Each structure stands twice: as C-alpha cells, then as structure tokens.
Amino acid sequence: MTQMGDDTVDRAASGGGSSASRTSEAHLAVGRGRLNQVRAGVLGADDGVVSVAGIVIGVAGATSARGPIFTAGLAGLVAGAVSMALGEYMSVSSQRDSETAQVEQERRELAEAPEQELAELAAMHRAKGLTAATATLVAGELTEHDALAAHLDTELRLDPADIAKPVQAAAVSAASFTLGALLPLLSILLSPQAWRVPVTFAAALAALAIAGVVSARIGGALGLTLTYAIGHLVGTVIR
C-alpha cells in the first residue's frame, strides 16, 4: 500500500484543485440543503398564514355566518397543504435522484479504477494537512474498511443512510402550511363577531413578523456559509 508513494499522491494532488472543489461544493450543498429545509418549513407556515387569512377575511367581509367562513378557510387550508406537499415531494425527489446518481457513480469508479480512486482519496487527505505517507496509510485503511463510504464521506460529504426522503419532506411541508393556516382560521372562528377581522389581522401580522425574523436569521446563516465556501474554493484553486 505504501509503495504507491509520494509520486502517486502528487499526481492525484495535481488535480487536487478539482477534487477539493468537488468536496467543498458537496459540503456546501449539504449545509445549504439542511438550511433550506428549515427555511422551507418557515416559509410554508408563512404561506399558510397569508393564504388562509386572506380567504377568511375576504369571506368575512361578505358574510358574518361562521359556516361559509369555516368552509372557505378549510378548503384553502387543504388545497394549500396538498399543493405544498406535492411541490416539495417533486423537488426532494429530484434531489434524491441526484444523490443516488452520485453514489452509483462512486461505486462504478471504484470498480473500474480502484488504484486511481485510492490515490484520489489519499490526495484529499493530504490536502487536509496530512503528510503523504500518513495520507496514503489513512486512505488505504479506509478503503479496506469500506471504500465506498470513505469516498462518499470525504469527497462528497454524503451518507447513503441520509439520502433525501421525499415523503418525509412532503409531510413536513404540508404540516408547516397547516399549522400556519390554523392560526387565522381559529382566530376568526373563535373571536366575537365584531372583533373577527381585527383579531385575525393582528394574529396574522404577529405570525408573519415572527416568521420573518426566523427566516432572516436562517438566510443570514446561509449567506455566511456561501461566502465561506467561495473563499475556501478560491483559496484552494489559487495558491
């Protein structure tokens, strides 16, 4: 294993900019994906508040009867939740297909060019600061233990057990919309007739303000992650 030596590792490292870039981009994608999941939940609740509040307040302007208001609000809640769930399912299904393709590509590369993949793994560990000999040793031991898992983790920051789950994402999206929609629906149904619109309006504004603060904080974290990743990529390519 150690006979591969510094020259082999150097050859892999000469393309290290590409490998390091792929690793950094994959790491960024994972972090961004997790942040976007939280952000999607917040925005889903936000959408539920706005959509159903608009419906029930509009119907309340036409009639004071609770029946039509409840029917319209419930219809908006169900339709919105289904729409959100379907949209999220399609989006996450595409992400899952992409991740599955990456796993299959790594498996194919390991089967077709195991020595080249070993050199690439060693080069990535060397790029982290290990000496050539240590990087070669680590790459060899990881490959003997589980070559596919080693490459997916080191190169792509991908865990096969953590591949995107469309059904789970769709359920979360539908649930977040439903929770947001319940606020204006319950507000207008439980308030005295004279206070229905003001109470619902105030509740919706308060919910939107809270969601805006949370969304802004998440967006800020995403922005910091992006700037760090760009700096890391530039620093890796330009040395």
Protein backbone atom coordinates (compact mmCIF):
# COMPACT_ATOMS: atom_id res chain seq x y z
CA MET A 1 0.00 0.00 0.00
CA THR A 2 2.79 2.41 0.92
CA GLN A 3 4.54 1.62 -2.36
CA MET A 4 2.14 3.98 -4.06
CA GLY A 5 4.42 6.63 -2.55
CA ASP A 6 4.61 10.35 -2.82
CA ASP A 7 4.68 10.44 -6.63
CA THR A 8 1.27 8.79 -6.97
CA VAL A 9 -0.21 11.04 -4.36
CA ASP A 10 1.37 14.07 -6.03
CA ARG A 11 -0.21 13.12 -9.34
CA ALA A 12 -3.60 12.92 -7.68
CA ALA A 13 -2.92 16.15 -5.84
CA SER A 14 -2.06 17.89 -9.11
CA GLY A 15 -5.74 17.58 -9.88
CA GLY A 16 -6.41 18.39 -6.26
CA GLY A 17 -8.00 21.69 -7.13
CA SER A 18 -10.75 19.80 -8.89
CA SER A 19 -11.13 17.21 -6.12
CA ALA A 20 -11.01 19.81 -3.38
CA SER A 21 -13.51 21.93 -5.26
CA ARG A 22 -15.88 18.99 -5.60
CA THR A 23 -15.54 18.26 -1.89
CA SER A 24 -16.14 21.89 -0.89
CA GLU A 25 -19.11 22.22 -3.24
CA ALA A 26 -20.63 18.99 -1.93
CA HIS A 27 -20.12 20.10 1.67
CA LEU A 28 -21.76 23.44 0.87
CA ALA A 29 -24.65 21.66 -0.84
CA VAL A 30 -25.32 19.54 2.25
CA GLY A 31 -25.24 22.54 4.59
CA ARG A 32 -27.33 24.60 2.23
CA GLY A 33 -29.81 21.75 1.83
CA ARG A 34 -30.35 21.50 5.57
CA LEU A 35 -30.76 25.24 5.95
CA ASN A 36 -33.19 25.29 3.05
CA GLN A 37 -35.29 22.57 4.66
CA VAL A 38 -35.73 24.70 7.78
CA ARG A 39 -36.30 27.78 5.68
CA ALA A 40 -38.90 25.93 3.59
CA GLY A 41 -40.74 24.98 6.77
CA VAL A 42 -40.81 28.59 7.96
CA LEU A 43 -41.93 29.86 4.57
CA GLY A 44 -44.56 27.11 4.38
CA ALA A 45 -46.08 28.30 7.65
CA ASP A 46 -45.80 31.88 6.40
CA ASP A 47 -47.67 30.93 3.23
CA GLY A 48 -50.36 29.19 5.26
CA VAL A 49 -50.94 32.30 7.37
CA VAL A 50 -51.17 34.64 4.38
CA SER A 51 -53.28 32.38 2.16
CA VAL A 52 -55.92 31.40 4.67
CA ALA A 53 -56.02 34.80 6.38
CA GLY A 54 -56.77 36.37 3.00
CA ILE A 55 -59.53 33.87 2.33
CA VAL A 56 -61.32 34.06 5.68
CA ILE A 57 -61.06 37.85 5.97
CA GLY A 58 -62.40 38.18 2.43
CA VAL A 59 -65.36 35.91 3.15
CA ALA A 60 -65.95 37.64 6.49
CA GLY A 61 -66.32 40.88 4.57
CA ALA A 62 -69.21 39.35 2.65
CA THR A 63 -70.99 37.44 5.42
CA SER A 64 -70.97 37.16 9.20
CA ALA A 65 -72.08 33.50 9.19
CA ARG A 66 -69.42 31.15 10.58
CA GLY A 67 -70.39 28.30 8.21
CA PRO A 68 -69.21 29.90 4.94
CA ILE A 69 -66.12 31.32 6.64
CA PHE A 70 -65.16 27.91 8.04
CA THR A 71 -65.84 26.13 4.73
CA ALA A 72 -63.78 28.59 2.70
CA GLY A 73 -60.94 28.58 5.22
CA LEU A 74 -60.84 24.80 5.45
CA ALA A 75 -60.87 24.47 1.67
CA GLY A 76 -57.95 26.88 1.41
CA LEU A 77 -56.06 25.00 4.12
CA VAL A 78 -56.50 21.60 2.48
CA ALA A 79 -55.74 22.84 -1.04
CA GLY A 80 -52.66 24.73 0.13
CA ALA A 81 -51.30 21.85 2.18
CA VAL A 82 -51.72 19.43 -0.72
CA SER A 83 -50.08 21.86 -3.13
CA MET A 84 -47.13 22.43 -0.79
CA ALA A 85 -46.70 18.69 -0.22
CA LEU A 86 -46.73 17.87 -3.93
CA GLY A 87 -44.27 20.64 -4.76
CA GLU A 88 -41.87 19.59 -2.01
CA TYR A 89 -42.17 15.93 -2.99
CA MET A 90 -41.19 16.68 -6.58
CA SER A 91 -38.31 18.92 -5.52
CA VAL A 92 -36.85 16.46 -3.00
CA SER A 93 -37.35 13.55 -5.41
CA SER A 94 -35.03 15.35 -7.83
CA GLN A 95 -32.50 15.84 -5.04
CA ARG A 96 -32.75 12.16 -4.10
CA ASP A 97 -32.19 11.12 -7.71
CA SER A 98 -29.09 13.34 -7.84
CA GLU A 99 -27.68 11.89 -4.62
CA THR A 100 -28.43 8.34 -5.75
CA ALA A 101 -26.63 9.03 -9.03
CA GLN A 102 -23.58 10.28 -7.11
CA VAL A 103 -23.49 7.09 -5.04
CA GLU A 104 -23.73 4.94 -8.16
CA GLN A 105 -21.01 6.98 -9.89
CA GLU A 106 -18.62 6.48 -6.97
CA ARG A 107 -19.41 2.76 -6.87
CA ARG A 108 -18.71 2.49 -10.61
CA GLU A 109 -15.45 4.44 -10.37
CA LEU A 110 -14.25 2.23 -7.52
CA ALA A 111 -14.98 -0.87 -9.59
CA GLU A 112 -13.34 0.45 -12.78
CA ALA A 113 -10.31 2.30 -11.38
CA PRO A 114 -9.64 1.33 -7.75
CA GLU A 115 -5.99 2.47 -7.76
CA GLN A 116 -6.86 5.88 -9.14
CA GLU A 117 -9.62 6.27 -6.58
CA LEU A 118 -7.21 5.27 -3.81
CA ALA A 119 -4.74 7.91 -4.98
CA GLU A 120 -7.53 10.48 -5.11
CA LEU A 121 -8.60 9.64 -1.56
CA ALA A 122 -5.01 9.95 -0.35
CA ALA A 123 -4.67 13.31 -2.12
CA MET A 124 -7.79 14.64 -0.40
CA HIS A 125 -6.41 13.66 3.00
CA ARG A 126 -3.09 15.22 2.12
CA ALA A 127 -4.91 18.43 1.22
CA LYS A 128 -6.25 18.46 4.78
CA GLY A 129 -2.68 18.72 6.12
CA LEU A 130 -1.51 15.12 6.45
CA THR A 131 1.89 14.07 5.18
CA ALA A 132 1.98 11.97 2.02
CA ALA A 133 2.87 8.82 3.96
CA THR A 134 0.13 9.33 6.55
CA ALA A 135 -2.44 10.25 3.90
CA THR A 136 -1.58 7.09 1.98
CA LEU A 137 -1.89 4.98 5.13
CA VAL A 138 -5.22 6.53 6.11
CA ALA A 139 -6.62 6.15 2.59
CA GLY A 140 -5.56 2.52 2.50
CA GLU A 141 -7.14 1.65 5.83
CA LEU A 142 -10.37 3.46 5.00
CA THR A 143 -10.52 1.70 1.63
CA GLU A 144 -10.03 -1.70 3.25
CA HIS A 145 -12.78 -0.97 5.74
CA ASP A 146 -15.38 0.48 3.33
CA ALA A 147 -14.12 2.11 0.15
CA LEU A 148 -17.50 3.47 -0.97
CA ALA A 149 -18.34 5.00 2.40
CA ALA A 150 -14.86 6.56 2.61
CA HIS A 151 -15.21 8.29 -0.77
CA LEU A 152 -18.78 9.42 -0.20
CA ASP A 153 -17.88 10.96 3.14
CA THR A 154 -14.51 12.50 2.25
CA GLU A 155 -15.26 13.59 -1.30
CA LEU A 156 -18.98 14.34 -1.27
CA ARG A 157 -19.93 14.63 2.41
CA LEU A 158 -22.72 12.20 1.62
CA ASP A 159 -24.12 9.45 3.82
CA PRO A 160 -26.16 6.81 1.92
CA ALA A 161 -28.35 6.42 5.00
CA ASP A 162 -29.15 10.14 4.93
CA ILE A 163 -30.27 10.48 1.31
CA ALA A 164 -33.17 12.88 0.81
CA LYS A 165 -36.59 11.49 1.71
CA PRO A 166 -39.37 12.93 -0.49
CA VAL A 167 -42.28 11.56 1.57
CA GLN A 168 -40.87 12.94 4.80
CA ALA A 169 -40.19 16.33 3.21
CA ALA A 170 -43.71 16.45 1.75
CA ALA A 171 -45.23 15.64 5.15
CA VAL A 172 -43.20 18.37 6.88
CA SER A 173 -44.16 20.90 4.22
CA ALA A 174 -47.86 20.06 4.49
CA ALA A 175 -47.69 20.17 8.28
CA SER A 176 -45.97 23.57 8.34
CA PHE A 177 -48.56 25.05 5.98
CA THR A 178 -51.38 23.55 8.05
CA LEU A 179 -50.02 24.97 11.29
CA GLY A 180 -49.71 28.40 9.73
CA ALA A 181 -53.19 28.22 8.23
CA LEU A 182 -54.81 27.17 11.50
CA LEU A 183 -53.88 30.46 13.16
CA PRO A 184 -56.11 32.77 11.08
CA LEU A 185 -58.81 30.12 10.75
CA LEU A 186 -59.14 29.64 14.51
CA SER A 187 -58.72 33.36 15.15
CA ILE A 188 -61.69 34.32 13.02
CA LEU A 189 -63.89 31.44 14.18
CA LEU A 190 -63.30 31.90 17.90
CA SER A 191 -63.40 35.70 18.06
CA PRO A 192 -66.59 37.68 18.72
CA GLN A 193 -68.25 38.82 15.51
CA ALA A 194 -67.31 42.48 15.94
CA TRP A 195 -63.65 41.61 16.53
CA ARG A 196 -63.17 38.85 13.97
CA VAL A 197 -61.33 40.81 11.31
CA PRO A 198 -59.13 42.92 13.65
CA VAL A 199 -58.11 39.89 15.75
CA THR A 200 -57.36 37.78 12.68
CA PHE A 201 -55.47 40.63 11.06
CA ALA A 202 -53.37 41.19 14.21
CA ALA A 203 -52.68 37.48 14.67
CA ALA A 204 -51.57 37.13 11.05
CA LEU A 205 -49.26 40.14 11.29
CA ALA A 206 -47.69 38.84 14.50
CA ALA A 207 -47.11 35.42 12.95
CA LEU A 208 -45.58 36.96 9.83
CA ALA A 209 -43.26 39.12 11.94
CA ILE A 210 -42.01 36.09 13.87
CA ALA A 211 -41.59 34.07 10.68
CA GLY A 212 -39.73 36.99 9.08
CA VAL A 213 -37.23 37.16 11.93
CA VAL A 214 -36.61 33.40 11.83
CA SER A 215 -36.32 33.39 8.04
CA ALA A 216 -33.90 36.33 8.09
CA ARG A 217 -31.66 34.59 10.61
CA ILE A 218 -31.63 31.42 8.53
CA GLY A 219 -30.96 33.45 5.38
CA GLY A 220 -28.05 35.15 7.14
CA ALA A 221 -26.57 31.81 8.13
CA LEU A 222 -26.91 30.64 4.54
CA GLY A 223 -25.18 33.78 3.29
CA LEU A 224 -22.26 33.29 5.68
CA THR A 225 -21.96 29.68 4.58
CA LEU A 226 -21.87 30.72 0.93
CA THR A 227 -19.19 33.37 1.46
CA TYR A 228 -17.02 30.97 3.45
CA ALA A 229 -17.34 28.27 0.78
CA ILE A 230 -16.47 30.71 -2.02
CA GLY A 231 -13.42 31.88 -0.11
CA HIS A 232 -12.38 28.31 0.55
CA LEU A 233 -12.77 27.39 -3.13
CA VAL A 234 -10.75 30.39 -4.25
CA GLY A 235 -8.07 29.65 -1.68
CA THR A 236 -7.91 26.03 -2.83
CA VAL A 237 -7.59 26.83 -6.53
CA ILE A 238 -5.34 29.89 -6.21
CA ARG A 239 -2.28 29.03 -4.15
